[in-house]
Amino acid sequence: MAELLAILKACNLCELKDVLKMRKIVIVSDSMEAVSWVNDEEFRNLNLVDIIYDIRSCLRLMKYTSVHHISRVDNSEADFLAKRGASSLLEGDVIKWRID
């Protein structure tokens, strides 16, 4: 569930920035299960159907957006953010990281 919420948050952040709609956006997650749920047509987990629908709807609004799996080793930026969040990062704090 947390992985799906992170993907949805990434979609929503991209949607807020009009300039990002003109760029190719690749959302990566180290959760193969979450990526599979977002990208596959068939989805059988009824408890998460609403969040999957929200993610897919958001992705359809943006032209060049995709969701891909990345290994945990290669996902150090997300790992850093997750650890900051787990250590009670306050709402409204700003964390900057590079967007290529």
PDB file of N, CA and C in Angstrom:
ATOM      1  N   MET A   1       0.820  -1.201   0.000  1.00  0.00           N
ATOM      2  CA  MET A   1       0.000   0.000   0.000  1.00  0.00           C
ATOM      3  C   MET A   1       0.861   1.262   0.000  1.00  0.00           C
ATOM      4  N   ALA A   2       1.920   1.287   0.804  1.00  0.00           N
ATOM      5  CA  ALA A   2       2.786   2.471   0.868  1.00  0.00           C
ATOM      6  C   ALA A   2       3.441   2.745  -0.478  1.00  0.00           C
ATOM      7  N   GLU A   3       3.835   1.684  -1.183  1.00  0.00           N
ATOM      8  CA  GLU A   3       4.451   1.857  -2.493  1.00  0.00           C
ATOM      9  C   GLU A   3       3.473   2.485  -3.477  1.00  0.00           C
ATOM     10  N   LEU A   4       2.228   2.052  -3.431  1.00  0.00           N
ATOM     11  CA  LEU A   4       1.209   2.615  -4.326  1.00  0.00           C
ATOM     12  C   LEU A   4       0.919   4.072  -3.984  1.00  0.00           C
ATOM     13  N   LEU A   5       0.882   4.395  -2.706  1.00  0.00           N
ATOM     14  CA  LEU A   5       0.672   5.789  -2.309  1.00  0.00           C
ATOM     15  C   LEU A   5       1.821   6.674  -2.780  1.00  0.00           C
ATOM     16  N   ALA A   6       3.036   6.145  -2.754  1.00  0.00           N
ATOM     17  CA  ALA A   6       4.190   6.911  -3.239  1.00  0.00           C
ATOM     18  C   ALA A   6       4.086   7.151  -4.743  1.00  0.00           C
ATOM     19  N   ILE A   7       3.641   6.146  -5.493  1.00  0.00           N
ATOM     20  CA  ILE A   7       3.464   6.311  -6.943  1.00  0.00           C
ATOM     21  C   ILE A   7       2.371   7.336  -7.214  1.00  0.00           C
ATOM     22  N   LEU A   8       1.279   7.267  -6.464  1.00  0.00           N
ATOM     23  CA  LEU A   8       0.198   8.242  -6.642  1.00  0.00           C
ATOM     24  C   LEU A   8       0.678   9.651  -6.315  1.00  0.00           C
ATOM     25  N   LYS A   9       1.444   9.802  -5.252  1.00  0.00           N
ATOM     26  CA  LYS A   9       1.985  11.118  -4.880  1.00  0.00           C
ATOM     27  C   LYS A   9       2.881  11.657  -5.992  1.00  0.00           C
ATOM     28  N   ALA A  10       3.705  10.796  -6.571  1.00  0.00           N
ATOM     29  CA  ALA A  10       4.568  11.217  -7.683  1.00  0.00           C
ATOM     30  C   ALA A  10       3.731  11.677  -8.874  1.00  0.00           C
ATOM     31  N   CYS A  11       2.672  10.948  -9.181  1.00  0.00           N
ATOM     32  CA  CYS A  11       1.772  11.351 -10.278  1.00  0.00           C
ATOM     33  C   CYS A  11       1.157  12.709  -9.996  1.00  0.00           C
ATOM     34  N   ASN A  12       0.677  12.886  -8.792  1.00  0.00           N
ATOM     35  CA  ASN A  12       0.030  14.152  -8.432  1.00  0.00           C
ATOM     36  C   ASN A  12       1.007  15.319  -8.482  1.00  0.00           C
ATOM     37  N   LEU A  13       2.245  15.110  -8.043  1.00  0.00           N
ATOM     38  CA  LEU A  13       3.255  16.170  -8.107  1.00  0.00           C
ATOM     39  C   LEU A  13       3.556  16.547  -9.553  1.00  0.00           C
ATOM     40  N   CYS A  14       3.664  15.564 -10.419  1.00  0.00           N
ATOM     41  CA  CYS A  14       3.919  15.839 -11.838  1.00  0.00           C
ATOM     42  C   CYS A  14       2.753  16.589 -12.463  1.00  0.00           C
ATOM     43  N   GLU A  15       1.565  16.230 -12.067  1.00  0.00           N
ATOM     44  CA  GLU A  15       0.362  16.857 -12.609  1.00  0.00           C
ATOM     45  C   GLU A  15       0.268  18.329 -12.204  1.00  0.00           C
ATOM     46  N   LEU A  16       0.750  18.672 -11.015  1.00  0.00           N
ATOM     47  CA  LEU A  16       0.688  20.048 -10.525  1.00  0.00           C
ATOM     48  C   LEU A  16       1.590  20.993 -11.304  1.00  0.00           C
ATOM     49  N   LYS A  17       2.676  20.490 -11.829  1.00  0.00           N
ATOM     50  CA  LYS A  17       3.662  21.316 -12.520  1.00  0.00           C
ATOM     51  C   LYS A  17       3.432  21.234 -14.025  1.00  0.00           C
ATOM     52  N   ASP A  18       2.855  22.278 -14.622  1.00  0.00           N
ATOM     53  CA  ASP A  18       2.580  22.275 -16.055  1.00  0.00           C
ATOM     54  C   ASP A  18       3.840  22.049 -16.879  1.00  0.00           C
ATOM     55  N   VAL A  19       4.960  22.569 -16.427  1.00  0.00           N
ATOM     56  CA  VAL A  19       6.203  22.405 -17.178  1.00  0.00           C
ATOM     57  C   VAL A  19       6.594  20.932 -17.277  1.00  0.00           C
ATOM     58  N   LEU A  20       6.270  20.140 -16.255  1.00  0.00           N
ATOM     59  CA  LEU A  20       6.608  18.727 -16.287  1.00  0.00           C
ATOM     60  C   LEU A  20       5.747  17.954 -17.270  1.00  0.00           C
ATOM     61  N   LYS A  21       4.579  18.473 -17.602  1.00  0.00           N
ATOM     62  CA  LYS A  21       3.721  17.789 -18.565  1.00  0.00           C
ATOM     63  C   LYS A  21       4.355  17.760 -19.949  1.00  0.00           C
ATOM     64  N   MET A  22       5.276  18.660 -20.200  1.00  0.00           N
ATOM     65  CA  MET A  22       5.928  18.722 -21.502  1.00  0.00           C
ATOM     66  C   MET A  22       7.160  17.812 -21.567  1.00  0.00           C
ATOM     67  N   ARG A  23       7.580  17.265 -20.456  1.00  0.00           N
ATOM     68  CA  ARG A  23       8.773  16.422 -20.391  1.00  0.00           C
ATOM     69  C   ARG A  23       8.378  14.968 -20.223  1.00  0.00           C
ATOM     70  N   LYS A  24       9.309  14.097 -20.560  1.00  0.00           N
ATOM     71  CA  LYS A  24       9.092  12.675 -20.330  1.00  0.00           C
ATOM     72  C   LYS A  24       9.321  12.402 -18.845  1.00  0.00           C
ATOM     73  N   ILE A  25       8.331  11.854 -18.185  1.00  0.00           N
ATOM     74  CA  ILE A  25       8.409  11.553 -16.761  1.00  0.00           C
ATOM     75  C   ILE A  25       8.450  10.033 -16.590  1.00  0.00           C
ATOM     76  N   VAL A  26       9.451   9.543 -15.889  1.00  0.00           N
ATOM     77  CA  VAL A  26       9.550   8.123 -15.579  1.00  0.00           C
ATOM     78  C   VAL A  26       9.507   7.994 -14.062  1.00  0.00           C
ATOM     79  N   ILE A  27       8.476   7.347 -13.582  1.00  0.00           N
ATOM     80  CA  ILE A  27       8.330   7.091 -12.150  1.00  0.00           C
ATOM     81  C   ILE A  27       8.889   5.696 -11.900  1.00  0.00           C
ATOM     82  N   VAL A  28       9.817   5.593 -10.954  1.00  0.00           N
ATOM     83  CA  VAL A  28      10.419   4.293 -10.661  1.00  0.00           C
ATOM     84  C   VAL A  28      10.096   3.882  -9.231  1.00  0.00           C
ATOM     85  N   SER A  29       9.973   2.581  -9.048  1.00  0.00           N
ATOM     86  CA  SER A  29       9.697   2.024  -7.725  1.00  0.00           C
ATOM     87  C   SER A  29      10.489   0.732  -7.584  1.00  0.00           C
ATOM     88  N   ASP A  30      10.947   0.451  -6.374  1.00  0.00           N
ATOM     89  CA  ASP A  30      11.630  -0.824  -6.159  1.00  0.00           C
ATOM     90  C   ASP A  30      10.644  -1.925  -5.760  1.00  0.00           C
ATOM     91  N   SER A  31       9.359  -1.630  -5.856  1.00  0.00           N
ATOM     92  CA  SER A  31       8.333  -2.635  -5.592  1.00  0.00           C
ATOM     93  C   SER A  31       7.813  -3.180  -6.924  1.00  0.00           C
ATOM     94  N   MET A  32       8.316  -4.363  -7.294  1.00  0.00           N
ATOM     95  CA  MET A  32       7.879  -4.966  -8.551  1.00  0.00           C
ATOM     96  C   MET A  32       6.374  -5.218  -8.532  1.00  0.00           C
ATOM     97  N   GLU A  33       5.861  -5.575  -7.381  1.00  0.00           N
ATOM     98  CA  GLU A  33       4.431  -5.847  -7.256  1.00  0.00           C
ATOM     99  C   GLU A  33       3.611  -4.591  -7.550  1.00  0.00           C
ATOM    100  N   ALA A  34       3.983  -3.466  -6.969  1.00  0.00           N
ATOM    101  CA  ALA A  34       3.252  -2.217  -7.199  1.00  0.00           C
ATOM    102  C   ALA A  34       3.331  -1.794  -8.660  1.00  0.00           C
ATOM    103  N   VAL A  35       4.509  -1.902  -9.264  1.00  0.00           N
ATOM    104  CA  VAL A  35       4.675  -1.536 -10.675  1.00  0.00           C
ATOM    105  C   VAL A  35       3.815  -2.439 -11.551  1.00  0.00           C
ATOM    106  N   SER A  36       3.802  -3.714 -11.247  1.00  0.00           N
ATOM    107  CA  SER A  36       2.978  -4.660 -11.998  1.00  0.00           C
ATOM    108  C   SER A  36       1.499  -4.321 -11.871  1.00  0.00           C
ATOM    109  N   TRP A  37       1.054  -3.998 -10.675  1.00  0.00           N
ATOM    110  CA  TRP A  37      -0.348  -3.644 -10.471  1.00  0.00           C
ATOM    111  C   TRP A  37      -0.733  -2.400 -11.266  1.00  0.00           C
ATOM    112  N   VAL A  38       0.160  -1.427 -11.318  1.00  0.00           N
ATOM    113  CA  VAL A  38      -0.135  -0.179 -12.032  1.00  0.00           C
ATOM    114  C   VAL A  38      -0.167  -0.407 -13.539  1.00  0.00           C
ATOM    115  N   ASN A  39       0.749  -1.224 -14.050  1.00  0.00           N
ATOM    116  CA  ASN A  39       0.897  -1.378 -15.496  1.00  0.00           C
ATOM    117  C   ASN A  39       0.034  -2.467 -16.114  1.00  0.00           C
ATOM    118  N   ASP A  40      -0.361  -3.467 -15.344  1.00  0.00           N
ATOM    119  CA  ASP A  40      -1.139  -4.572 -15.897  1.00  0.00           C
ATOM    120  C   ASP A  40      -2.617  -4.230 -15.961  1.00  0.00           C
ATOM    121  N   GLU A  41      -3.253  -4.718 -17.011  1.00  0.00           N
ATOM    122  CA  GLU A  41      -4.694  -4.497 -17.156  1.00  0.00           C
ATOM    123  C   GLU A  41      -5.472  -5.244 -16.072  1.00  0.00           C
ATOM    124  N   GLU A  42      -5.083  -6.482 -15.815  1.00  0.00           N
ATOM    125  CA  GLU A  42      -5.790  -7.272 -14.813  1.00  0.00           C
ATOM    126  C   GLU A  42      -5.257  -6.947 -13.422  1.00  0.00           C
ATOM    127  N   PHE A  43      -6.186  -6.737 -12.519  1.00  0.00           N
ATOM    128  CA  PHE A  43      -5.819  -6.415 -11.148  1.00  0.00           C
ATOM    129  C   PHE A  43      -6.840  -7.073 -10.243  1.00  0.00           C
ATOM    130  N   ARG A  44      -6.381  -7.938  -9.366  1.00  0.00           N
ATOM    131  CA  ARG A  44      -7.319  -8.749  -8.581  1.00  0.00           C
ATOM    132  C   ARG A  44      -7.417  -8.372  -7.108  1.00  0.00           C
ATOM    133  N   ASN A  45      -6.632  -7.431  -6.646  1.00  0.00           N
ATOM    134  CA  ASN A  45      -6.668  -7.062  -5.238  1.00  0.00           C
ATOM    135  C   ASN A  45      -7.731  -5.980  -5.032  1.00  0.00           C
ATOM    136  N   LEU A  46      -8.906  -6.388  -4.619  1.00  0.00           N
ATOM    137  CA  LEU A  46     -10.032  -5.459  -4.491  1.00  0.00           C
ATOM    138  C   LEU A  46      -9.824  -4.413  -3.404  1.00  0.00           C
ATOM    139  N   ASN A  47      -8.971  -4.693  -2.434  1.00  0.00           N
ATOM    140  CA  ASN A  47      -8.715  -3.717  -1.370  1.00  0.00           C
ATOM    141  C   ASN A  47      -7.977  -2.483  -1.876  1.00  0.00           C
ATOM    142  N   LEU A  48      -7.255  -2.622  -2.986  1.00  0.00           N
ATOM    143  CA  LEU A  48      -6.438  -1.526  -3.503  1.00  0.00           C
ATOM    144  C   LEU A  48      -6.941  -0.980  -4.833  1.00  0.00           C
ATOM    145  N   VAL A  49      -8.112  -1.414  -5.255  1.00  0.00           N
ATOM    146  CA  VAL A  49      -8.599  -1.038  -6.582  1.00  0.00           C
ATOM    147  C   VAL A  49      -8.769   0.477  -6.731  1.00  0.00           C
ATOM    148  N   ASP A  50      -9.177   1.174  -5.689  1.00  0.00           N
ATOM    149  CA  ASP A  50      -9.386   2.624  -5.790  1.00  0.00           C
ATOM    150  C   ASP A  50      -8.081   3.370  -6.043  1.00  0.00           C
ATOM    151  N   ILE A  51      -7.036   3.008  -5.328  1.00  0.00           N
ATOM    152  CA  ILE A  51      -5.763   3.705  -5.514  1.00  0.00           C
ATOM    153  C   ILE A  51      -5.157   3.374  -6.882  1.00  0.00           C
ATOM    154  N   ILE A  52      -5.312   2.123  -7.338  1.00  0.00           N
ATOM    155  CA  ILE A  52      -4.828   1.752  -8.674  1.00  0.00           C
ATOM    156  C   ILE A  52      -5.573   2.556  -9.731  1.00  0.00           C
ATOM    157  N   TYR A  53      -6.876   2.684  -9.575  1.00  0.00           N
ATOM    158  CA  TYR A  53      -7.672   3.477 -10.517  1.00  0.00           C
ATOM    159  C   TYR A  53      -7.201   4.933 -10.522  1.00  0.00           C
ATOM    160  N   ASP A  54      -6.950   5.502  -9.347  1.00  0.00           N
ATOM    161  CA  ASP A  54      -6.476   6.893  -9.264  1.00  0.00           C
ATOM    162  C   ASP A  54      -5.123   7.067  -9.959  1.00  0.00           C
ATOM    163  N   ILE A  55      -4.221   6.119  -9.759  1.00  0.00           N
ATOM    164  CA  ILE A  55      -2.903   6.196 -10.403  1.00  0.00           C
ATOM    165  C   ILE A  55      -3.054   6.113 -11.915  1.00  0.00           C
ATOM    166  N   ARG A  56      -3.812   5.138 -12.387  1.00  0.00           N
ATOM    167  CA  ARG A  56      -3.984   4.977 -13.838  1.00  0.00           C
ATOM    168  C   ARG A  56      -4.658   6.195 -14.461  1.00  0.00           C
ATOM    169  N   SER A  57      -5.626   6.763 -13.769  1.00  0.00           N
ATOM    170  CA  SER A  57      -6.301   7.964 -14.280  1.00  0.00           C
ATOM    171  C   SER A  57      -5.324   9.126 -14.379  1.00  0.00           C
ATOM    172  N   CYS A  58      -4.509   9.303 -13.374  1.00  0.00           N
ATOM    173  CA  CYS A  58      -3.517  10.377 -13.358  1.00  0.00           C
ATOM    174  C   CYS A  58      -2.500  10.188 -14.483  1.00  0.00           C
ATOM    175  N   LEU A  59      -2.034   8.957 -14.681  1.00  0.00           N
ATOM    176  CA  LEU A  59      -1.058   8.678 -15.736  1.00  0.00           C
ATOM    177  C   LEU A  59      -1.624   8.972 -17.120  1.00  0.00           C
ATOM    178  N   ARG A  60      -2.904   8.699 -17.310  1.00  0.00           N
ATOM    179  CA  ARG A  60      -3.533   8.954 -18.618  1.00  0.00           C
ATOM    180  C   ARG A  60      -3.599  10.442 -18.948  1.00  0.00           C
ATOM    181  N   LEU A  61      -3.614  11.288 -17.940  1.00  0.00           N
ATOM    182  CA  LEU A  61      -3.676  12.733 -18.168  1.00  0.00           C
ATOM    183  C   LEU A  61      -2.353  13.302 -18.669  1.00  0.00           C
ATOM    184  N   MET A  62      -1.271  12.598 -18.431  1.00  0.00           N
ATOM    185  CA  MET A  62       0.053  13.086 -18.824  1.00  0.00           C
ATOM    186  C   MET A  62       0.558  12.262 -20.000  1.00  0.00           C
ATOM    187  N   LYS A  63       1.021  12.941 -21.041  1.00  0.00           N
ATOM    188  CA  LYS A  63       1.394  12.272 -22.288  1.00  0.00           C
ATOM    189  C   LYS A  63       2.544  11.284 -22.145  1.00  0.00           C
ATOM    190  N   TYR A  64       3.619  11.710 -21.561  1.00  0.00           N
ATOM    191  CA  TYR A  64       4.859  10.943 -21.617  1.00  0.00           C
ATOM    192  C   TYR A  64       5.270  10.428 -20.246  1.00  0.00           C
ATOM    193  N   THR A  65       4.367   9.779 -19.560  1.00  0.00           N
ATOM    194  CA  THR A  65       4.648   9.295 -18.215  1.00  0.00           C
ATOM    195  C   THR A  65       4.584   7.774 -18.191  1.00  0.00           C
ATOM    196  N   SER A  66       5.524   7.159 -17.503  1.00  0.00           N
ATOM    197  CA  SER A  66       5.518   5.707 -17.375  1.00  0.00           C
ATOM    198  C   SER A  66       6.019   5.320 -15.983  1.00  0.00           C
ATOM    199  N   VAL A  67       5.688   4.103 -15.585  1.00  0.00           N
ATOM    200  CA  VAL A  67       6.092   3.573 -14.278  1.00  0.00           C
ATOM    201  C   VAL A  67       6.925   2.320 -14.527  1.00  0.00           C
ATOM    202  N   HIS A  68       8.135   2.289 -13.960  1.00  0.00           N
ATOM    203  CA  HIS A  68       9.062   1.173 -14.169  1.00  0.00           C
ATOM    204  C   HIS A  68       9.625   0.682 -12.845  1.00  0.00           C
ATOM    205  N   HIS A  69      10.041  -0.574 -12.862  1.00  0.00           N
ATOM    206  CA  HIS A  69      10.699  -1.166 -11.697  1.00  0.00           C
ATOM    207  C   HIS A  69      12.185  -0.832 -11.726  1.00  0.00           C
ATOM    208  N   ILE A  70      12.751  -0.613 -10.548  1.00  0.00           N
ATOM    209  CA  ILE A  70      14.189  -0.395 -10.388  1.00  0.00           C
ATOM    210  C   ILE A  70      14.622  -1.171  -9.146  1.00  0.00           C
ATOM    211  N   SER A  71      15.819  -1.705  -9.178  1.00  0.00           N
ATOM    212  CA  SER A  71      16.280  -2.484  -8.022  1.00  0.00           C
ATOM    213  C   SER A  71      16.492  -1.566  -6.817  1.00  0.00           C
ATOM    214  N   ARG A  72      16.436  -2.142  -5.647  1.00  0.00           N
ATOM    215  CA  ARG A  72      16.657  -1.354  -4.424  1.00  0.00           C
ATOM    216  C   ARG A  72      18.053  -0.740  -4.406  1.00  0.00           C
ATOM    217  N   VAL A  73      19.011  -1.456  -4.940  1.00  0.00           N
ATOM    218  CA  VAL A  73      20.389  -0.962  -4.976  1.00  0.00           C
ATOM    219  C   VAL A  73      20.472   0.313  -5.814  1.00  0.00           C
ATOM    220  N   ASP A  74      19.756   0.339  -6.929  1.00  0.00           N
ATOM    221  CA  ASP A  74      19.790   1.494  -7.832  1.00  0.00           C
ATOM    222  C   ASP A  74      18.818   2.595  -7.429  1.00  0.00           C
ATOM    223  N   ASN A  75      18.081   2.385  -6.367  1.00  0.00           N
ATOM    224  CA  ASN A  75      17.042   3.331  -5.969  1.00  0.00           C
ATOM    225  C   ASN A  75      17.435   4.074  -4.691  1.00  0.00           C
ATOM    226  N   SER A  76      18.671   4.537  -4.620  1.00  0.00           N
ATOM    227  CA  SER A  76      19.177   5.142  -3.387  1.00  0.00           C
ATOM    228  C   SER A  76      18.479   6.453  -3.041  1.00  0.00           C
ATOM    229  N   GLU A  77      18.054   7.230  -4.052  1.00  0.00           N
ATOM    230  CA  GLU A  77      17.367   8.497  -3.763  1.00  0.00           C
ATOM    231  C   GLU A  77      16.030   8.239  -3.069  1.00  0.00           C
ATOM    232  N   ALA A  78      15.277   7.271  -3.576  1.00  0.00           N
ATOM    233  CA  ALA A  78      13.996   6.943  -2.947  1.00  0.00           C
ATOM    234  C   ALA A  78      14.216   6.355  -1.556  1.00  0.00           C
ATOM    235  N   ASP A  79      15.249   5.555  -1.409  1.00  0.00           N
ATOM    236  CA  ASP A  79      15.564   4.987  -0.105  1.00  0.00           C
ATOM    237  C   ASP A  79      15.863   6.090   0.907  1.00  0.00           C
ATOM    238  N   PHE A  80      16.620   7.095   0.476  1.00  0.00           N
ATOM    239  CA  PHE A  80      16.925   8.237   1.339  1.00  0.00           C
ATOM    240  C   PHE A  80      15.641   8.949   1.768  1.00  0.00           C
ATOM    241  N   LEU A  81      14.742   9.200   0.808  1.00  0.00           N
ATOM    242  CA  LEU A  81      13.490   9.892   1.123  1.00  0.00           C
ATOM    243  C   LEU A  81      12.611   9.061   2.052  1.00  0.00           C
ATOM    244  N   ALA A  82      12.577   7.754   1.818  1.00  0.00           N
ATOM    245  CA  ALA A  82      11.771   6.879   2.673  1.00  0.00           C
ATOM    246  C   ALA A  82      12.292   6.885   4.104  1.00  0.00           C
ATOM    247  N   LYS A  83      13.615   6.854   4.253  1.00  0.00           N
ATOM    248  CA  LYS A  83      14.188   6.884   5.600  1.00  0.00           C
ATOM    249  C   LYS A  83      13.915   8.214   6.287  1.00  0.00           C
ATOM    250  N   ARG A  84      13.965   9.302   5.544  1.00  0.00           N
ATOM    251  CA  ARG A  84      13.644  10.612   6.123  1.00  0.00           C
ATOM    252  C   ARG A  84      12.181  10.643   6.562  1.00  0.00           C
ATOM    253  N   GLY A  85      11.305  10.090   5.729  1.00  0.00           N
ATOM    254  CA  GLY A  85       9.886  10.053   6.072  1.00  0.00           C
ATOM    255  C   GLY A  85       9.628   9.183   7.284  1.00  0.00           C
ATOM    256  N   ALA A  86      10.323   8.067   7.368  1.00  0.00           N
ATOM    257  CA  ALA A  86      10.147   7.156   8.495  1.00  0.00           C
ATOM    258  C   ALA A  86      10.675   7.753   9.789  1.00  0.00           C
ATOM    259  N   SER A  87      11.589   8.697   9.683  1.00  0.00           N
ATOM    260  CA  SER A  87      12.114   9.331  10.897  1.00  0.00           C
ATOM    261  C   SER A  87      11.349  10.610  11.214  1.00  0.00           C
ATOM    262  N   SER A  88      10.058  10.574  10.970  1.00  0.00           N
ATOM    263  CA  SER A  88       9.112  11.644  11.322  1.00  0.00           C
ATOM    264  C   SER A  88       9.420  12.984  10.658  1.00  0.00           C
ATOM    265  N   LEU A  89       9.641  12.941   9.362  1.00  0.00           N
ATOM    266  CA  LEU A  89       9.764  14.169   8.585  1.00  0.00           C
ATOM    267  C   LEU A  89       8.440  14.916   8.686  1.00  0.00           C
ATOM    268  N   LEU A  90       8.493  16.164   9.066  1.00  0.00           N
ATOM    269  CA  LEU A  90       7.275  16.933   9.259  1.00  0.00           C
ATOM    270  C   LEU A  90       6.646  17.323   7.933  1.00  0.00           C
ATOM    271  N   GLU A  91       5.327  17.351   7.895  1.00  0.00           N
ATOM    272  CA  GLU A  91       4.591  17.799   6.712  1.00  0.00           C
ATOM    273  C   GLU A  91       4.997  19.224   6.399  1.00  0.00           C
ATOM    274  N   GLY A  92       5.284  19.479   5.161  1.00  0.00           N
ATOM    275  CA  GLY A  92       5.677  20.820   4.763  1.00  0.00           C
ATOM    276  C   GLY A  92       7.172  20.996   4.630  1.00  0.00           C
ATOM    277  N   ASP A  93       7.965  20.049   5.153  1.00  0.00           N
ATOM    278  CA  ASP A  93       9.409  20.114   4.948  1.00  0.00           C
ATOM    279  C   ASP A  93       9.704  19.928   3.470  1.00  0.00           C
ATOM    280  N   VAL A  94      10.774  20.511   3.022  1.00  0.00           N
ATOM    281  CA  VAL A  94      11.140  20.429   1.615  1.00  0.00           C
ATOM    282  C   VAL A  94      12.432  19.648   1.482  1.00  0.00           C
ATOM    283  N   ILE A  95      12.417  18.686   0.590  1.00  0.00           N
ATOM    284  CA  ILE A  95      13.619  17.938   0.262  1.00  0.00           C
ATOM    285  C   ILE A  95      13.854  18.132  -1.228  1.00  0.00           C
ATOM    286  N   LYS A  96      15.051  18.573  -1.585  1.00  0.00           N
ATOM    287  CA  LYS A  96      15.368  18.775  -2.994  1.00  0.00           C
ATOM    288  C   LYS A  96      16.205  17.614  -3.491  1.00  0.00           C
ATOM    289  N   TRP A  97      15.902  17.160  -4.697  1.00  0.00           N
ATOM    290  CA  TRP A  97      16.784  16.227  -5.360  1.00  0.00           C
ATOM    291  C   TRP A  97      16.754  16.506  -6.844  1.00  0.00           C
ATOM    292  N   ARG A  98      17.730  15.986  -7.523  1.00  0.00           N
ATOM    293  CA  ARG A  98      17.977  16.295  -8.921  1.00  0.00           C
ATOM    294  C   ARG A  98      16.926  15.651  -9.823  1.00  0.00           C
ATOM    295  N   ILE A  99      16.449  16.404 -10.806  1.00  0.00           N
ATOM    296  CA  ILE A  99      15.583  15.885 -11.861  1.00  0.00           C
ATOM    297  C   ILE A  99      16.327  16.077 -13.167  1.00  0.00           C
ATOM    298  N   ASP A 100      16.679  14.976 -13.807  1.00  0.00           N
ATOM    299  CA  ASP A 100      17.413  15.067 -15.077  1.00  0.00           C
ATOM    300  C   ASP A 100      16.471  15.318 -16.233  1.00  0.00           C
TER     301      ASP A 100
END
